[in-house]
Amino acid sequence: MGIIHIPRTVAASLRGVVKRKLSPLSDKDISLVGTIDVPHIYTSRAGIFDVDLMGHMNNASYLNHAELARWEWSAFGGSLAQAFKTRSFFIVTASMIGPLIGIPIIRSLYLKPRAASIPLFIATNSAPKTELSTVGCF
């Protein structure tokens, strides 16, 4: 699967970098993309590796495209470059998808990933729960 997924991930990241370079938005406006008010819109097509025997996009492929949308969004917003500098990256702790529809092969699809900040708690011996930080997810 890595033979297919790794090039798609690299392509999504490069697409995000190119979108940022071509964007007329200021850095301040770009930092708002991906929030509840300003969604990042990821567009793609259902490819041959995304469809099942019925010729529709497989349910697991939606999550693959959600991950590709996250890579594109992080490259667009600049957090991917920062992650490489600091050798750190956020993790997706939860993801939600709505009702799934059958998307035939070669049909366009789009996703609107959004960031949500949820408290991350750790258990300690001295207190029942202590807030550590927040994690971004969509």
Protein backbone atom coordinates (compact mmCIF):
# COMPACT_ATOMS: atom_id res chain seq x y z
CA MET A 1 0.00 0.00 0.00
CA GLY A 2 2.96 2.31 0.61
CA ILE A 3 3.78 2.23 -3.10
CA ILE A 4 0.47 3.98 -3.72
CA HIS A 5 0.01 6.00 -0.54
CA ILE A 6 3.44 7.62 -0.18
CA PRO A 7 3.43 9.29 -3.63
CA ARG A 8 -0.13 10.50 -3.03
CA THR A 9 0.92 11.97 0.33
CA VAL A 10 3.92 13.74 -1.22
CA ALA A 11 1.72 15.05 -4.05
CA ALA A 12 -0.89 16.37 -1.59
CA SER A 13 1.84 18.13 0.41
CA LEU A 14 3.33 19.70 -2.72
CA ARG A 15 -0.15 20.75 -3.86
CA GLY A 16 -0.58 22.55 -0.52
CA VAL A 17 2.75 24.36 -0.92
CA VAL A 18 1.84 25.45 -4.46
CA LYS A 19 -1.61 26.62 -3.32
CA ARG A 20 0.04 28.73 -0.61
CA LYS A 21 2.47 30.31 -3.11
CA LEU A 22 -0.35 31.12 -5.54
CA SER A 23 -2.82 32.26 -2.87
CA PRO A 24 -3.70 35.97 -2.77
CA LEU A 25 -4.32 35.64 1.00
CA SER A 26 -2.01 37.21 3.57
CA ASP A 27 -0.20 35.03 6.13
CA LYS A 28 -2.74 36.13 8.75
CA ASP A 29 -5.64 35.05 6.54
CA ILE A 30 -3.92 31.76 5.68
CA SER A 31 -3.61 31.01 9.40
CA LEU A 32 -7.42 31.10 9.65
CA VAL A 33 -7.92 28.51 6.90
CA GLY A 34 -9.07 25.22 8.38
CA THR A 35 -11.01 26.76 11.25
CA ILE A 36 -14.76 26.46 11.68
CA ASP A 37 -15.34 29.78 9.87
CA VAL A 38 -12.93 29.27 6.96
CA PRO A 39 -12.70 25.63 5.85
CA HIS A 40 -9.84 24.31 3.76
CA ILE A 41 -11.31 22.67 0.66
CA TYR A 42 -9.51 19.60 -0.65
CA THR A 43 -10.47 18.43 -4.12
CA SER A 44 -9.56 15.17 -5.80
CA ARG A 45 -10.98 12.40 -7.95
CA ALA A 46 -11.88 8.85 -7.04
CA GLY A 47 -9.07 6.85 -8.60
CA ILE A 48 -8.73 3.20 -9.53
CA PHE A 49 -7.31 2.33 -6.09
CA ASP A 50 -10.23 4.05 -4.31
CA VAL A 51 -13.12 2.05 -5.73
CA ASP A 52 -14.53 -1.35 -4.80
CA LEU A 53 -16.00 -4.07 -7.01
CA MET A 54 -19.24 -2.09 -7.37
CA GLY A 55 -17.30 0.72 -9.03
CA HIS A 56 -17.94 3.17 -6.17
CA MET A 57 -15.50 4.73 -3.76
CA ASN A 58 -14.75 2.35 -0.89
CA ASN A 59 -15.63 3.61 2.61
CA ALA A 60 -12.02 3.25 3.81
CA SER A 61 -10.90 5.49 0.94
CA TYR A 62 -12.80 8.39 2.49
CA LEU A 63 -10.42 8.24 5.45
CA ASN A 64 -7.43 8.02 3.10
CA HIS A 65 -8.62 11.18 1.37
CA ALA A 66 -9.19 12.81 4.77
CA GLU A 67 -5.53 12.11 5.55
CA LEU A 68 -4.44 13.50 2.17
CA ALA A 69 -6.55 16.59 2.90
CA ARG A 70 -4.73 16.97 6.23
CA TRP A 71 -1.32 16.80 4.50
CA GLU A 72 -2.40 19.39 1.91
CA TRP A 73 -3.89 21.62 4.58
CA SER A 74 -0.79 21.44 6.80
CA ALA A 75 1.47 22.32 3.85
CA PHE A 76 -0.85 25.18 2.87
CA GLY A 77 -1.00 26.58 6.39
CA GLY A 78 2.74 26.30 6.97
CA SER A 79 2.56 23.83 9.85
CA LEU A 80 4.23 21.10 7.77
CA ALA A 81 7.40 23.18 7.32
CA GLN A 82 7.35 24.04 11.02
CA ALA A 83 6.88 20.35 11.89
CA PHE A 84 10.00 19.41 9.92
CA LYS A 85 11.98 22.15 11.68
CA THR A 86 10.90 21.07 15.17
CA ARG A 87 10.68 17.35 14.34
CA SER A 88 7.16 17.18 15.71
CA PHE A 89 3.67 16.90 14.31
CA PHE A 90 0.15 16.75 15.63
CA ILE A 91 -1.81 13.54 15.56
CA VAL A 92 -5.42 12.95 14.65
CA THR A 93 -7.04 11.55 17.76
CA ALA A 94 -10.55 11.44 16.37
CA SER A 95 -12.20 11.88 13.03
CA MET A 96 -15.84 12.12 12.09
CA ILE A 97 -17.37 11.59 8.70
CA GLY A 98 -20.98 12.10 7.74
CA PRO A 99 -23.17 9.86 5.65
CA LEU A 100 -21.18 8.28 2.87
CA ILE A 101 -22.38 8.37 -0.71
CA GLY A 102 -21.19 6.22 -3.56
CA ILE A 103 -18.76 8.18 -5.73
CA PRO A 104 -18.12 6.50 -9.08
CA ILE A 105 -14.61 6.23 -10.46
CA ILE A 106 -13.11 9.44 -11.92
CA ARG A 107 -15.86 11.60 -10.33
CA SER A 108 -14.73 14.70 -8.44
CA LEU A 109 -14.94 14.83 -4.68
CA TYR A 110 -14.13 17.47 -2.12
CA LEU A 111 -13.55 17.47 1.61
CA LYS A 112 -13.65 20.38 4.05
CA PRO A 113 -11.32 19.49 6.93
CA ARG A 114 -11.71 21.67 10.01
CA ALA A 115 -9.60 21.99 13.13
CA ALA A 116 -11.08 21.48 16.54
CA SER A 117 -9.23 22.01 19.76
CA ILE A 118 -9.92 19.40 22.38
CA PRO A 119 -8.26 19.21 25.79
CA LEU A 120 -5.73 16.45 26.19
CA PHE A 121 -5.75 14.95 29.66
CA ILE A 122 -3.16 12.78 31.32
CA ALA A 123 -3.68 10.67 34.41
CA THR A 124 -1.37 11.32 37.33
CA ASN A 125 -1.04 9.83 40.81
CA SER A 126 -1.56 13.17 42.58
CA ALA A 127 -4.70 14.34 40.81
CA PRO A 128 -7.46 12.53 38.96
CA LYS A 129 -6.78 14.36 35.68
CA THR A 130 -4.51 17.22 34.68
CA GLU A 131 -4.87 19.24 31.50
CA LEU A 132 -1.68 18.98 29.47
CA SER A 133 -2.30 20.82 26.20
CA THR A 134 -4.60 20.87 23.22
CA VAL A 135 -4.53 18.75 20.11
CA GLY A 136 -5.70 19.72 16.64
CA CYS A 137 -7.94 17.36 14.72
CA PHE A 138 -10.58 17.43 12.05
